[in-house]
Amino acid sequence: MYFAVASVDAELQQAFVRIDDHFAQMRGEVAQIRSKIAEAEERLDAKIEAAETRLLTAFRNWAQTCEVRARGTSLAVREFEERLGMIEERVAKLERTPRNPPDLSPLPAGNLTQPKSVSSR
C-alpha cells in the first residue's frame, strides 16, 4: 500500500508541476495582454491629442476669421452711424430754418400779364 500511496503522491506532484507550469504560462500571457493594452492606450491617447489639436486649431482659425469680419462690420456700422448723424443734423437744420411761404393770393384782374414771347432776331 505504501507503493500505491507513493505512486499517487508522484502523480499528484506531476499534476502540481503541470498546473504550476500552466499558471506560469497564463501569467506570461496575461502580462503580454497587459502590455498590448498599455500600448493601445498610449496610441489612443496620442490620436486623441492629435484630434484635439486639429480641432482647436480649426476653431481658432474660424474664430480669427469671424473676428476680422466683425471688426470690418463694426467699422462699417460706425461709418454709417456718422453719415446718418450728419444727415439728421442737416434735416434738423432745414426744419429749423424759417421758410417764406409761397404767395398764394390771387392776382388783381387788371394786372394780368401775358408771358412775354421771345423775340427772334
PDB file of N, CA and C in Angstrom:
ATOM      1  N   MET A   1       0.800  -1.170   0.000  1.00  0.00           N
ATOM      2  CA  MET A   1       0.000   0.000   0.000  1.00  0.00           C
ATOM      3  C   MET A   1       0.863   1.261   0.000  1.00  0.00           C
ATOM      4  N   TYR A   2       1.986   1.112   0.578  1.00  0.00           N
ATOM      5  CA  TYR A   2       2.887   2.240   0.601  1.00  0.00           C
ATOM      6  C   TYR A   2       3.292   2.606  -0.810  1.00  0.00           C
ATOM      7  N   PHE A   3       3.438   1.588  -1.644  1.00  0.00           N
ATOM      8  CA  PHE A   3       3.816   1.857  -3.031  1.00  0.00           C
ATOM      9  C   PHE A   3       2.685   2.542  -3.779  1.00  0.00           C
ATOM     10  N   ALA A   4       1.490   2.220  -3.433  1.00  0.00           N
ATOM     11  CA  ALA A   4       0.338   2.832  -4.088  1.00  0.00           C
ATOM     12  C   ALA A   4       0.228   4.307  -3.688  1.00  0.00           C
ATOM     13  N   VAL A   5       0.460   4.584  -2.442  1.00  0.00           N
ATOM     14  CA  VAL A   5       0.400   5.965  -1.969  1.00  0.00           C
ATOM     15  C   VAL A   5       1.554   6.753  -2.580  1.00  0.00           C
ATOM     16  N   ALA A   6       2.685   6.131  -2.673  1.00  0.00           N
ATOM     17  CA  ALA A   6       3.838   6.815  -3.240  1.00  0.00           C
ATOM     18  C   ALA A   6       3.597   7.125  -4.706  1.00  0.00           C
ATOM     19  N   SER A   7       2.962   6.219  -5.443  1.00  0.00           N
ATOM     20  CA  SER A   7       2.711   6.480  -6.855  1.00  0.00           C
ATOM     21  C   SER A   7       1.654   7.575  -7.011  1.00  0.00           C
ATOM     22  N   VAL A   8       0.687   7.610  -6.088  1.00  0.00           N
ATOM     23  CA  VAL A   8      -0.321   8.669  -6.121  1.00  0.00           C
ATOM     24  C   VAL A   8       0.350  10.000  -5.797  1.00  0.00           C
ATOM     25  N   ASP A   9       1.242   9.986  -4.820  1.00  0.00           N
ATOM     26  CA  ASP A   9       1.958  11.225  -4.483  1.00  0.00           C
ATOM     27  C   ASP A   9       2.787  11.705  -5.680  1.00  0.00           C
ATOM     28  N   ALA A  10       3.400  10.797  -6.388  1.00  0.00           N
ATOM     29  CA  ALA A  10       4.207  11.154  -7.557  1.00  0.00           C
ATOM     30  C   ALA A  10       3.307  11.718  -8.651  1.00  0.00           C
ATOM     31  N   GLU A  11       2.155  11.106  -8.834  1.00  0.00           N
ATOM     32  CA  GLU A  11       1.206  11.603  -9.848  1.00  0.00           C
ATOM     33  C   GLU A  11       0.693  12.996  -9.467  1.00  0.00           C
ATOM     34  N   LEU A  12       0.415  13.182  -8.174  1.00  0.00           N
ATOM     35  CA  LEU A  12      -0.038  14.496  -7.713  1.00  0.00           C
ATOM     36  C   LEU A  12       1.066  15.528  -7.898  1.00  0.00           C
ATOM     37  N   GLN A  13       2.271  15.124  -7.589  1.00  0.00           N
ATOM     38  CA  GLN A  13       3.402  16.029  -7.770  1.00  0.00           C
ATOM     39  C   GLN A  13       3.518  16.424  -9.239  1.00  0.00           C
ATOM     40  N   GLN A  14       3.381  15.479 -10.140  1.00  0.00           N
ATOM     41  CA  GLN A  14       3.451  15.778 -11.573  1.00  0.00           C
ATOM     42  C   GLN A  14       2.281  16.696 -11.989  1.00  0.00           C
ATOM     43  N   ALA A  15       1.107  16.440 -11.427  1.00  0.00           N
ATOM     44  CA  ALA A  15      -0.061  17.279 -11.738  1.00  0.00           C
ATOM     45  C   ALA A  15       0.176  18.701 -11.230  1.00  0.00           C
ATOM     46  N   PHE A  16       0.733  18.811 -10.019  1.00  0.00           N
ATOM     47  CA  PHE A  16       1.006  20.136  -9.474  1.00  0.00           C
ATOM     48  C   PHE A  16       2.057  20.867 -10.318  1.00  0.00           C
ATOM     49  N   VAL A  17       3.030  20.149 -10.779  1.00  0.00           N
ATOM     50  CA  VAL A  17       4.062  20.753 -11.622  1.00  0.00           C
ATOM     51  C   VAL A  17       3.435  21.235 -12.929  1.00  0.00           C
ATOM     52  N   ARG A  18       2.553  20.402 -13.527  1.00  0.00           N
ATOM     53  CA  ARG A  18       1.868  20.812 -14.762  1.00  0.00           C
ATOM     54  C   ARG A  18       0.976  22.032 -14.509  1.00  0.00           C
ATOM     55  N   ILE A  19       0.279  22.049 -13.360  1.00  0.00           N
ATOM     56  CA  ILE A  19      -0.583  23.192 -13.013  1.00  0.00           C
ATOM     57  C   ILE A  19       0.267  24.435 -12.814  1.00  0.00           C
ATOM     58  N   ASP A  20       1.406  24.280 -12.114  1.00  0.00           N
ATOM     59  CA  ASP A  20       2.300  25.426 -11.920  1.00  0.00           C
ATOM     60  C   ASP A  20       2.827  25.936 -13.258  1.00  0.00           C
ATOM     61  N   ASP A  21       3.193  25.014 -14.149  1.00  0.00           N
ATOM     62  CA  ASP A  21       3.668  25.409 -15.480  1.00  0.00           C
ATOM     63  C   ASP A  21       2.552  26.137 -16.253  1.00  0.00           C
ATOM     64  N   HIS A  22       1.341  25.607 -16.126  1.00  0.00           N
ATOM     65  CA  HIS A  22       0.190  26.213 -16.813  1.00  0.00           C
ATOM     66  C   HIS A  22      -0.069  27.628 -16.272  1.00  0.00           C
ATOM     67  N   PHE A  23      -0.014  27.779 -14.945  1.00  0.00           N
ATOM     68  CA  PHE A  23      -0.205  29.104 -14.346  1.00  0.00           C
ATOM     69  C   PHE A  23       0.914  30.065 -14.767  1.00  0.00           C
ATOM     70  N   ALA A  24       2.124  29.566 -14.824  1.00  0.00           N
ATOM     71  CA  ALA A  24       3.242  30.407 -15.252  1.00  0.00           C
ATOM     72  C   ALA A  24       3.024  30.865 -16.705  1.00  0.00           C
ATOM     73  N   GLN A  25       2.575  29.938 -17.539  1.00  0.00           N
ATOM     74  CA  GLN A  25       2.293  30.279 -18.931  1.00  0.00           C
ATOM     75  C   GLN A  25       1.159  31.316 -19.003  1.00  0.00           C
ATOM     76  N   MET A  26       0.121  31.141 -18.178  1.00  0.00           N
ATOM     77  CA  MET A  26      -1.007  32.075 -18.161  1.00  0.00           C
ATOM     78  C   MET A  26      -0.556  33.449 -17.659  1.00  0.00           C
ATOM     79  N   ARG A  27       0.333  33.464 -16.639  1.00  0.00           N
ATOM     80  CA  ARG A  27       0.860  34.735 -16.146  1.00  0.00           C
ATOM     81  C   ARG A  27       1.609  35.468 -17.263  1.00  0.00           C
ATOM     82  N   GLY A  28       2.373  34.733 -18.027  1.00  0.00           N
ATOM     83  CA  GLY A  28       3.100  35.320 -19.160  1.00  0.00           C
ATOM     84  C   GLY A  28       2.140  35.882 -20.199  1.00  0.00           C
ATOM     85  N   GLU A  29       1.092  35.133 -20.508  1.00  0.00           N
ATOM     86  CA  GLU A  29       0.102  35.606 -21.483  1.00  0.00           C
ATOM     87  C   GLU A  29      -0.648  36.836 -20.961  1.00  0.00           C
ATOM     88  N   VAL A  30      -0.982  36.825 -19.665  1.00  0.00           N
ATOM     89  CA  VAL A  30      -1.662  37.992 -19.069  1.00  0.00           C
ATOM     90  C   VAL A  30      -0.745  39.213 -19.121  1.00  0.00           C
ATOM     91  N   ALA A  31       0.538  39.003 -18.866  1.00  0.00           N
ATOM     92  CA  ALA A  31       1.496  40.111 -18.933  1.00  0.00           C
ATOM     93  C   ALA A  31       1.578  40.654 -20.355  1.00  0.00           C
ATOM     94  N   GLN A  32       1.564  39.775 -21.361  1.00  0.00           N
ATOM     95  CA  GLN A  32       1.585  40.217 -22.753  1.00  0.00           C
ATOM     96  C   GLN A  32       0.316  41.002 -23.086  1.00  0.00           C
ATOM     97  N   ILE A  33      -0.814  40.503 -22.615  1.00  0.00           N
ATOM     98  CA  ILE A  33      -2.087  41.202 -22.867  1.00  0.00           C
ATOM     99  C   ILE A  33      -2.066  42.582 -22.221  1.00  0.00           C
ATOM    100  N   ARG A  34      -1.581  42.655 -20.969  1.00  0.00           N
ATOM    101  CA  ARG A  34      -1.498  43.949 -20.294  1.00  0.00           C
ATOM    102  C   ARG A  34      -0.577  44.905 -21.054  1.00  0.00           C
ATOM    103  N   SER A  35       0.524  44.376 -21.554  1.00  0.00           N
ATOM    104  CA  SER A  35       1.471  45.186 -22.320  1.00  0.00           C
ATOM    105  C   SER A  35       0.810  45.709 -23.595  1.00  0.00           C
ATOM    106  N   LYS A  36       0.081  44.840 -24.293  1.00  0.00           N
ATOM    107  CA  LYS A  36      -0.608  45.256 -25.522  1.00  0.00           C
ATOM    108  C   LYS A  36      -1.694  46.292 -25.215  1.00  0.00           C
ATOM    109  N   ILE A  37      -2.386  46.123 -24.093  1.00  0.00           N
ATOM    110  CA  ILE A  37      -3.420  47.098 -23.699  1.00  0.00           C
ATOM    111  C   ILE A  37      -2.773  48.449 -23.404  1.00  0.00           C
ATOM    112  N   ALA A  38      -1.638  48.437 -22.706  1.00  0.00           N
ATOM    113  CA  ALA A  38      -0.942  49.688 -22.392  1.00  0.00           C
ATOM    114  C   ALA A  38      -0.479  50.380 -23.672  1.00  0.00           C
ATOM    115  N   GLU A  39       0.040  49.594 -24.632  1.00  0.00           N
ATOM    116  CA  GLU A  39       0.461  50.176 -25.907  1.00  0.00           C
ATOM    117  C   GLU A  39      -0.730  50.769 -26.656  1.00  0.00           C
ATOM    118  N   ALA A  40      -1.848  50.058 -26.638  1.00  0.00           N
ATOM    119  CA  ALA A  40      -3.051  50.561 -27.310  1.00  0.00           C
ATOM    120  C   ALA A  40      -3.548  51.844 -26.646  1.00  0.00           C
ATOM    121  N   GLU A  41      -3.473  51.902 -25.320  1.00  0.00           N
ATOM    122  CA  GLU A  41      -3.881  53.118 -24.606  1.00  0.00           C
ATOM    123  C   GLU A  41      -2.987  54.293 -24.999  1.00  0.00           C
ATOM    124  N   GLU A  42      -1.683  54.038 -25.109  1.00  0.00           N
ATOM    125  CA  GLU A  42      -0.761  55.101 -25.497  1.00  0.00           C
ATOM    126  C   GLU A  42      -1.064  55.597 -26.911  1.00  0.00           C
ATOM    127  N   ARG A  43      -1.303  54.661 -27.844  1.00  0.00           N
ATOM    128  CA  ARG A  43      -1.640  55.063 -29.213  1.00  0.00           C
ATOM    129  C   ARG A  43      -2.954  55.832 -29.242  1.00  0.00           C
ATOM    130  N   LEU A  44      -3.927  55.371 -28.464  1.00  0.00           N
ATOM    131  CA  LEU A  44      -5.223  56.044 -28.408  1.00  0.00           C
ATOM    132  C   LEU A  44      -5.078  57.446 -27.821  1.00  0.00           C
ATOM    133  N   ASP A  45      -4.291  57.580 -26.756  1.00  0.00           N
ATOM    134  CA  ASP A  45      -4.051  58.900 -26.171  1.00  0.00           C
ATOM    135  C   ASP A  45      -3.402  59.841 -27.188  1.00  0.00           C
ATOM    136  N   ALA A  46      -2.437  59.320 -27.949  1.00  0.00           N
ATOM    137  CA  ALA A  46      -1.759  60.143 -28.961  1.00  0.00           C
ATOM    138  C   ALA A  46      -2.744  60.573 -30.048  1.00  0.00           C
ATOM    139  N   LYS A  47      -3.609  59.656 -30.474  1.00  0.00           N
ATOM    140  CA  LYS A  47      -4.590  60.001 -31.512  1.00  0.00           C
ATOM    141  C   LYS A  47      -5.606  61.016 -30.986  1.00  0.00           C
ATOM    142  N   ILE A  48      -6.032  60.849 -29.747  1.00  0.00           N
ATOM    143  CA  ILE A  48      -6.975  61.801 -29.156  1.00  0.00           C
ATOM    144  C   ILE A  48      -6.332  63.181 -29.058  1.00  0.00           C
ATOM    145  N   GLU A  49      -5.083  63.231 -28.624  1.00  0.00           N
ATOM    146  CA  GLU A  49      -4.388  64.514 -28.508  1.00  0.00           C
ATOM    147  C   GLU A  49      -4.241  65.177 -29.873  1.00  0.00           C
ATOM    148  N   ALA A  50      -3.909  64.386 -30.894  1.00  0.00           N
ATOM    149  CA  ALA A  50      -3.774  64.943 -32.245  1.00  0.00           C
ATOM    150  C   ALA A  50      -5.118  65.476 -32.739  1.00  0.00           C
ATOM    151  N   ALA A  51      -6.197  64.744 -32.472  1.00  0.00           N
ATOM    152  CA  ALA A  51      -7.528  65.206 -32.887  1.00  0.00           C
ATOM    153  C   ALA A  51      -7.913  66.485 -32.155  1.00  0.00           C
ATOM    154  N   GLU A  52      -7.634  66.532 -30.864  1.00  0.00           N
ATOM    155  CA  GLU A  52      -7.932  67.751 -30.098  1.00  0.00           C
ATOM    156  C   GLU A  52      -7.153  68.937 -30.654  1.00  0.00           C
ATOM    157  N   THR A  53      -5.881  68.719 -30.988  1.00  0.00           N
ATOM    158  CA  THR A  53      -5.055  69.790 -31.525  1.00  0.00           C
ATOM    159  C   THR A  53      -5.621  70.284 -32.851  1.00  0.00           C
ATOM    160  N   ARG A  54      -6.010  69.348 -33.729  1.00  0.00           N
ATOM    161  CA  ARG A  54      -6.586  69.750 -35.019  1.00  0.00           C
ATOM    162  C   ARG A  54      -7.887  70.520 -34.816  1.00  0.00           C
ATOM    163  N   LEU A  55      -8.724  70.045 -33.907  1.00  0.00           N
ATOM    164  CA  LEU A  55      -9.994  70.741 -33.650  1.00  0.00           C
ATOM    165  C   LEU A  55      -9.765  72.144 -33.093  1.00  0.00           C
ATOM    166  N   LEU A  56      -8.872  72.257 -32.125  1.00  0.00           N
ATOM    167  CA  LEU A  56      -8.599  73.566 -31.539  1.00  0.00           C
ATOM    168  C   LEU A  56      -7.985  74.522 -32.561  1.00  0.00           C
ATOM    169  N   THR A  57      -7.112  74.012 -33.412  1.00  0.00           N
ATOM    170  CA  THR A  57      -6.513  74.838 -34.449  1.00  0.00           C
ATOM    171  C   THR A  57      -7.569  75.311 -35.440  1.00  0.00           C
ATOM    172  N   ALA A  58      -8.440  74.405 -35.853  1.00  0.00           N
ATOM    173  CA  ALA A  58      -9.506  74.779 -36.788  1.00  0.00           C
ATOM    174  C   ALA A  58     -10.449  75.791 -36.147  1.00  0.00           C
ATOM    175  N   PHE A  59     -10.788  75.591 -34.900  1.00  0.00           N
ATOM    176  CA  PHE A  59     -11.684  76.530 -34.216  1.00  0.00           C
ATOM    177  C   PHE A  59     -11.024  77.897 -34.075  1.00  0.00           C
ATOM    178  N   ARG A  60      -9.750  77.915 -33.760  1.00  0.00           N
ATOM    179  CA  ARG A  60      -9.028  79.185 -33.621  1.00  0.00           C
ATOM    180  C   ARG A  60      -9.010  79.937 -34.948  1.00  0.00           C
ATOM    181  N   ASN A  61      -8.725  79.218 -36.034  1.00  0.00           N
ATOM    182  CA  ASN A  61      -8.720  79.855 -37.352  1.00  0.00           C
ATOM    183  C   ASN A  61     -10.105  80.415 -37.687  1.00  0.00           C
ATOM    184  N   TRP A  62     -11.135  79.652 -37.397  1.00  0.00           N
ATOM    185  CA  TRP A  62     -12.506  80.108 -37.647  1.00  0.00           C
ATOM    186  C   TRP A  62     -12.813  81.354 -36.815  1.00  0.00           C
ATOM    187  N   ALA A  63     -12.414  81.337 -35.551  1.00  0.00           N
ATOM    188  CA  ALA A  63     -12.688  82.464 -34.669  1.00  0.00           C
ATOM    189  C   ALA A  63     -11.951  83.718 -35.153  1.00  0.00           C
ATOM    190  N   GLN A  64     -10.721  83.560 -35.629  1.00  0.00           N
ATOM    191  CA  GLN A  64      -9.976  84.709 -36.133  1.00  0.00           C
ATOM    192  C   GLN A  64     -10.683  85.301 -37.350  1.00  0.00           C
ATOM    193  N   THR A  65     -11.154  84.459 -38.234  1.00  0.00           N
ATOM    194  CA  THR A  65     -11.876  84.931 -39.417  1.00  0.00           C
ATOM    195  C   THR A  65     -13.130  85.685 -39.011  1.00  0.00           C
ATOM    196  N   CYS A  66     -13.866  85.129 -38.061  1.00  0.00           N
ATOM    197  CA  CYS A  66     -15.080  85.803 -37.586  1.00  0.00           C
ATOM    198  C   CYS A  66     -14.742  87.132 -36.930  1.00  0.00           C
ATOM    199  N   GLU A  67     -13.651  87.171 -36.204  1.00  0.00           N
ATOM    200  CA  GLU A  67     -13.256  88.413 -35.533  1.00  0.00           C
ATOM    201  C   GLU A  67     -12.908  89.492 -36.554  1.00  0.00           C
ATOM    202  N   VAL A  68     -12.206  89.112 -37.621  1.00  0.00           N
ATOM    203  CA  VAL A  68     -11.861  90.069 -38.671  1.00  0.00           C
ATOM    204  C   VAL A  68     -13.138  90.595 -39.327  1.00  0.00           C
ATOM    205  N   ARG A  69     -14.076  89.694 -39.610  1.00  0.00           N
ATOM    206  CA  ARG A  69     -15.350  90.119 -40.201  1.00  0.00           C
ATOM    207  C   ARG A  69     -16.107  91.044 -39.258  1.00  0.00           C
ATOM    208  N   ALA A  70     -16.110  90.713 -37.995  1.00  0.00           N
ATOM    209  CA  ALA A  70     -16.837  91.538 -37.016  1.00  0.00           C
ATOM    210  C   ALA A  70     -16.217  92.924 -36.933  1.00  0.00           C
ATOM    211  N   ARG A  71     -14.888  93.001 -36.958  1.00  0.00           N
ATOM    212  CA  ARG A  71     -14.237  94.309 -36.937  1.00  0.00           C
ATOM    213  C   ARG A  71     -14.610  95.130 -38.165  1.00  0.00           C
ATOM    214  N   GLY A  72     -14.610  94.480 -39.321  1.00  0.00           N
ATOM    215  CA  GLY A  72     -14.984  95.172 -40.556  1.00  0.00           C
ATOM    216  C   GLY A  72     -16.421  95.646 -40.506  1.00  0.00           C
ATOM    217  N   THR A  73     -17.302  94.811 -40.003  1.00  0.00           N
ATOM    218  CA  THR A  73     -18.706  95.182 -39.879  1.00  0.00           C
ATOM    219  C   THR A  73     -18.865  96.314 -38.886  1.00  0.00           C
ATOM    220  N   SER A  74     -18.152  96.249 -37.797  1.00  0.00           N
ATOM    221  CA  SER A  74     -18.229  97.293 -36.783  1.00  0.00           C
ATOM    222  C   SER A  74     -17.780  98.626 -37.358  1.00  0.00           C
ATOM    223  N   LEU A  75     -16.714  98.624 -38.149  1.00  0.00           N
ATOM    224  CA  LEU A  75     -16.220  99.846 -38.778  1.00  0.00           C
ATOM    225  C   LEU A  75     -17.267 100.396 -39.746  1.00  0.00           C
ATOM    226  N   ALA A  76     -17.865  99.534 -40.537  1.00  0.00           N
ATOM    227  CA  ALA A  76     -18.886  99.972 -41.492  1.00  0.00           C
ATOM    228  C   ALA A  76     -20.092 100.551 -40.756  1.00  0.00           C
ATOM    229  N   VAL A  77     -20.478  99.950 -39.651  1.00  0.00           N
ATOM    230  CA  VAL A  77     -21.606 100.453 -38.875  1.00  0.00           C
ATOM    231  C   VAL A  77     -21.280 101.824 -38.305  1.00  0.00           C
ATOM    232  N   ARG A  78     -20.061 101.997 -37.792  1.00  0.00           N
ATOM    233  CA  ARG A  78     -19.668 103.303 -37.253  1.00  0.00           C
ATOM    234  C   ARG A  78     -19.711 104.368 -38.341  1.00  0.00           C
ATOM    235  N   GLU A  79     -19.184 104.041 -39.529  1.00  0.00           N
ATOM    236  CA  GLU A  79     -19.221 104.998 -40.638  1.00  0.00           C
ATOM    237  C   GLU A  79     -20.668 105.316 -41.017  1.00  0.00           C
ATOM    238  N   PHE A  80     -21.505 104.312 -41.072  1.00  0.00           N
ATOM    239  CA  PHE A  80     -22.913 104.526 -41.387  1.00  0.00           C
ATOM    240  C   PHE A  80     -23.571 105.411 -40.332  1.00  0.00           C
ATOM    241  N   GLU A  81     -23.280 105.163 -39.064  1.00  0.00           N
ATOM    242  CA  GLU A  81     -23.858 105.976 -37.996  1.00  0.00           C
ATOM    243  C   GLU A  81     -23.394 107.428 -38.099  1.00  0.00           C
ATOM    244  N   GLU A  82     -22.126 107.653 -38.481  1.00  0.00           N
ATOM    245  CA  GLU A  82     -21.632 109.015 -38.657  1.00  0.00           C
ATOM    246  C   GLU A  82     -22.388 109.719 -39.782  1.00  0.00           C
ATOM    247  N   ARG A  83     -22.533 109.022 -40.910  1.00  0.00           N
ATOM    248  CA  ARG A  83     -23.261 109.611 -42.042  1.00  0.00           C
ATOM    249  C   ARG A  83     -24.715 109.879 -41.677  1.00  0.00           C
ATOM    250  N   LEU A  84     -25.327 108.935 -40.981  1.00  0.00           N
ATOM    251  CA  LEU A  84     -26.714 109.118 -40.558  1.00  0.00           C
ATOM    252  C   LEU A  84     -26.822 110.318 -39.628  1.00  0.00           C
ATOM    253  N   GLY A  85     -25.884 110.488 -38.730  1.00  0.00           N
ATOM    254  CA  GLY A  85     -25.879 111.624 -37.816  1.00  0.00           C
ATOM    255  C   GLY A  85     -25.781 112.942 -38.571  1.00  0.00           C
ATOM    256  N   MET A  86     -24.904 112.975 -39.589  1.00  0.00           N
ATOM    257  CA  MET A  86     -24.778 114.207 -40.384  1.00  0.00           C
ATOM    258  C   MET A  86     -26.069 114.505 -41.128  1.00  0.00           C
ATOM    259  N   ILE A  87     -26.705 113.492 -41.678  1.00  0.00           N
ATOM    260  CA  ILE A  87     -27.976 113.696 -42.386  1.00  0.00           C
ATOM    261  C   ILE A  87     -29.046 114.194 -41.427  1.00  0.00           C
ATOM    262  N   GLU A  88     -29.089 113.603 -40.240  1.00  0.00           N
ATOM    263  CA  GLU A  88     -30.072 114.048 -39.247  1.00  0.00           C
ATOM    264  C   GLU A  88     -29.843 115.510 -38.870  1.00  0.00           C
ATOM    265  N   GLU A  89     -28.575 115.930 -38.746  1.00  0.00           N
ATOM    266  CA  GLU A  89     -28.266 117.334 -38.440  1.00  0.00           C
ATOM    267  C   GLU A  89     -28.747 118.245 -39.562  1.00  0.00           C
ATOM    268  N   ARG A  90     -28.515 117.838 -40.801  1.00  0.00           N
ATOM    269  CA  ARG A  90     -28.958 118.651 -41.942  1.00  0.00           C
ATOM    270  C   ARG A  90     -30.478 118.786 -41.961  1.00  0.00           C
ATOM    271  N   VAL A  91     -31.173 117.670 -41.739  1.00  0.00           N
ATOM    272  CA  VAL A  91     -32.641 117.699 -41.739  1.00  0.00           C
ATOM    273  C   VAL A  91     -33.139 118.585 -40.604  1.00  0.00           C
ATOM    274  N   ALA A  92     -32.544 118.468 -39.444  1.00  0.00           N
ATOM    275  CA  ALA A  92     -32.961 119.300 -38.306  1.00  0.00           C
ATOM    276  C   ALA A  92     -32.716 120.776 -38.608  1.00  0.00           C
ATOM    277  N   LYS A  93     -31.598 121.082 -39.250  1.00  0.00           N
ATOM    278  CA  LYS A  93     -31.292 122.466 -39.606  1.00  0.00           C
ATOM    279  C   LYS A  93     -32.323 122.998 -40.603  1.00  0.00           C
ATOM    280  N   LEU A  94     -32.668 122.169 -41.585  1.00  0.00           N
ATOM    281  CA  LEU A  94     -33.680 122.575 -42.564  1.00  0.00           C
ATOM    282  C   LEU A  94     -35.036 122.791 -41.893  1.00  0.00           C
ATOM    283  N   GLU A  95     -35.358 121.949 -40.940  1.00  0.00           N
ATOM    284  CA  GLU A  95     -36.641 122.077 -40.245  1.00  0.00           C
ATOM    285  C   GLU A  95     -36.670 123.348 -39.391  1.00  0.00           C
ATOM    286  N   ARG A  96     -35.541 123.754 -38.846  1.00  0.00           N
ATOM    287  CA  ARG A  96     -35.495 124.962 -38.007  1.00  0.00           C
ATOM    288  C   ARG A  96     -35.465 126.245 -38.822  1.00  0.00           C
ATOM    289  N   THR A  97     -35.005 126.182 -40.055  1.00  0.00           N
ATOM    290  CA  THR A  97     -34.896 127.369 -40.900  1.00  0.00           C
ATOM    291  C   THR A  97     -36.298 127.815 -41.327  1.00  0.00           C
ATOM    292  N   PRO A  98     -36.644 129.099 -41.043  1.00  0.00           N
ATOM    293  CA  PRO A  98     -37.965 129.556 -41.475  1.00  0.00           C
ATOM    294  C   PRO A  98     -38.003 129.682 -42.998  1.00  0.00           C
ATOM    295  N   ARG A  99     -39.106 129.272 -43.551  1.00  0.00           N
ATOM    296  CA  ARG A  99     -39.276 129.329 -44.999  1.00  0.00           C
ATOM    297  C   ARG A  99     -40.313 130.399 -45.324  1.00  0.00           C
ATOM    298  N   ASN A 100     -40.105 131.062 -46.405  1.00  0.00           N
ATOM    299  CA  ASN A 100     -41.110 132.021 -46.881  1.00  0.00           C
ATOM    300  C   ASN A 100     -42.179 131.234 -47.608  1.00  0.00           C
ATOM    301  N   PRO A 101     -43.383 131.281 -47.071  1.00  0.00           N
ATOM    302  CA  PRO A 101     -44.426 130.514 -47.760  1.00  0.00           C
ATOM    303  C   PRO A 101     -44.712 131.145 -49.112  1.00  0.00           C
ATOM    304  N   PRO A 102     -45.078 130.384 -50.079  1.00  0.00           N
ATOM    305  CA  PRO A 102     -45.369 130.940 -51.397  1.00  0.00           C
ATOM    306  C   PRO A 102     -46.595 131.850 -51.318  1.00  0.00           C
ATOM    307  N   ASP A 103     -46.577 132.923 -52.086  1.00  0.00           N
ATOM    308  CA  ASP A 103     -47.693 133.851 -52.111  1.00  0.00           C
ATOM    309  C   ASP A 103     -48.811 133.247 -52.949  1.00  0.00           C
ATOM    310  N   LEU A 104     -49.874 132.874 -52.315  1.00  0.00           N
ATOM    311  CA  LEU A 104     -50.980 132.226 -52.997  1.00  0.00           C
ATOM    312  C   LEU A 104     -52.172 133.169 -53.175  1.00  0.00           C
ATOM    313  N   SER A 105     -51.949 134.461 -52.927  1.00  0.00           N
ATOM    314  CA  SER A 105     -53.068 135.392 -53.084  1.00  0.00           C
ATOM    315  C   SER A 105     -53.363 135.585 -54.574  1.00  0.00           C
ATOM    316  N   PRO A 106     -54.659 135.777 -54.910  1.00  0.00           N
ATOM    317  CA  PRO A 106     -55.000 135.920 -56.325  1.00  0.00           C
ATOM    318  C   PRO A 106     -54.473 137.249 -56.884  1.00  0.00           C
ATOM    319  N   LEU A 107     -54.145 137.239 -58.143  1.00  0.00           N
ATOM    320  CA  LEU A 107     -53.671 138.435 -58.816  1.00  0.00           C
ATOM    321  C   LEU A 107     -54.880 139.348 -59.116  1.00  0.00           C
ATOM    322  N   PRO A 108     -54.682 140.652 -59.034  1.00  0.00           N
ATOM    323  CA  PRO A 108     -55.789 141.533 -59.402  1.00  0.00           C
ATOM    324  C   PRO A 108     -56.149 141.331 -60.874  1.00  0.00           C
ATOM    325  N   ALA A 109     -57.415 141.507 -61.183  1.00  0.00           N
ATOM    326  CA  ALA A 109     -57.932 141.206 -62.509  1.00  0.00           C
ATOM    327  C   ALA A 109     -57.300 142.081 -63.583  1.00  0.00           C
ATOM    328  N   GLY A 110     -57.002 143.329 -63.302  1.00  0.00           N
ATOM    329  CA  GLY A 110     -56.471 144.214 -64.323  1.00  0.00           C
ATOM    330  C   GLY A 110     -54.989 144.046 -64.535  1.00  0.00           C
ATOM    331  N   ASN A 111     -54.316 143.408 -63.692  1.00  0.00           N
ATOM    332  CA  ASN A 111     -52.857 143.309 -63.800  1.00  0.00           C
ATOM    333  C   ASN A 111     -52.396 141.970 -64.362  1.00  0.00           C
ATOM    334  N   LEU A 112     -53.233 141.305 -65.063  1.00  0.00           N
ATOM    335  CA  LEU A 112     -52.822 140.033 -65.627  1.00  0.00           C
ATOM    336  C   LEU A 112     -51.861 140.302 -66.764  1.00  0.00           C
ATOM    337  N   THR A 113     -50.793 139.709 -66.729  1.00  0.00           N
ATOM    338  CA  THR A 113     -49.813 139.899 -67.798  1.00  0.00           C
ATOM    339  C   THR A 113     -49.624 138.597 -68.514  1.00  0.00           C
ATOM    340  N   GLN A 114     -49.444 138.762 -69.774  1.00  0.00           N
ATOM    341  CA  GLN A 114     -49.172 137.592 -70.598  1.00  0.00           C
ATOM    342  C   GLN A 114     -47.674 137.346 -70.574  1.00  0.00           C
ATOM    343  N   PRO A 115     -47.300 136.131 -70.653  1.00  0.00           N
ATOM    344  CA  PRO A 115     -45.870 135.883 -70.706  1.00  0.00           C
ATOM    345  C   PRO A 115     -45.292 136.528 -71.947  1.00  0.00           C
ATOM    346  N   LYS A 116     -44.158 137.086 -71.759  1.00  0.00           N
ATOM    347  CA  LYS A 116     -43.506 137.748 -72.895  1.00  0.00           C
ATOM    348  C   LYS A 116     -42.948 136.684 -73.809  1.00  0.00           C
ATOM    349  N   SER A 117     -43.198 136.918 -75.102  1.00  0.00           N
ATOM    350  CA  SER A 117     -42.677 135.960 -76.056  1.00  0.00           C
ATOM    351  C   SER A 117     -41.234 136.324 -76.353  1.00  0.00           C
ATOM    352  N   VAL A 118     -40.511 135.350 -76.704  1.00  0.00           N
ATOM    353  CA  VAL A 118     -39.120 135.563 -77.026  1.00  0.00           C
ATOM    354  C   VAL A 118     -39.073 136.080 -78.444  1.00  0.00           C
ATOM    355  N   SER A 119     -38.457 137.216 -78.612  1.00  0.00           N
ATOM    356  CA  SER A 119     -38.379 137.798 -79.958  1.00  0.00           C
ATOM    357  C   SER A 119     -37.243 137.158 -80.718  1.00  0.00           C
ATOM    358  N   SER A 120     -37.514 136.935 -81.980  1.00  0.00           N
ATOM    359  CA  SER A 120     -36.464 136.337 -82.788  1.00  0.00           C
ATOM    360  C   SER A 120     -35.738 137.414 -83.547  1.00  0.00           C
ATOM    361  N   ARG A 121     -34.548 137.334 -83.753  1.00  0.00           N
ATOM    362  CA  ARG A 121     -33.734 138.346 -84.433  1.00  0.00           C
ATOM    363  C   ARG A 121     -33.401 137.935 -85.796  1.00  0.00           C
TER     364      ARG A 121
END
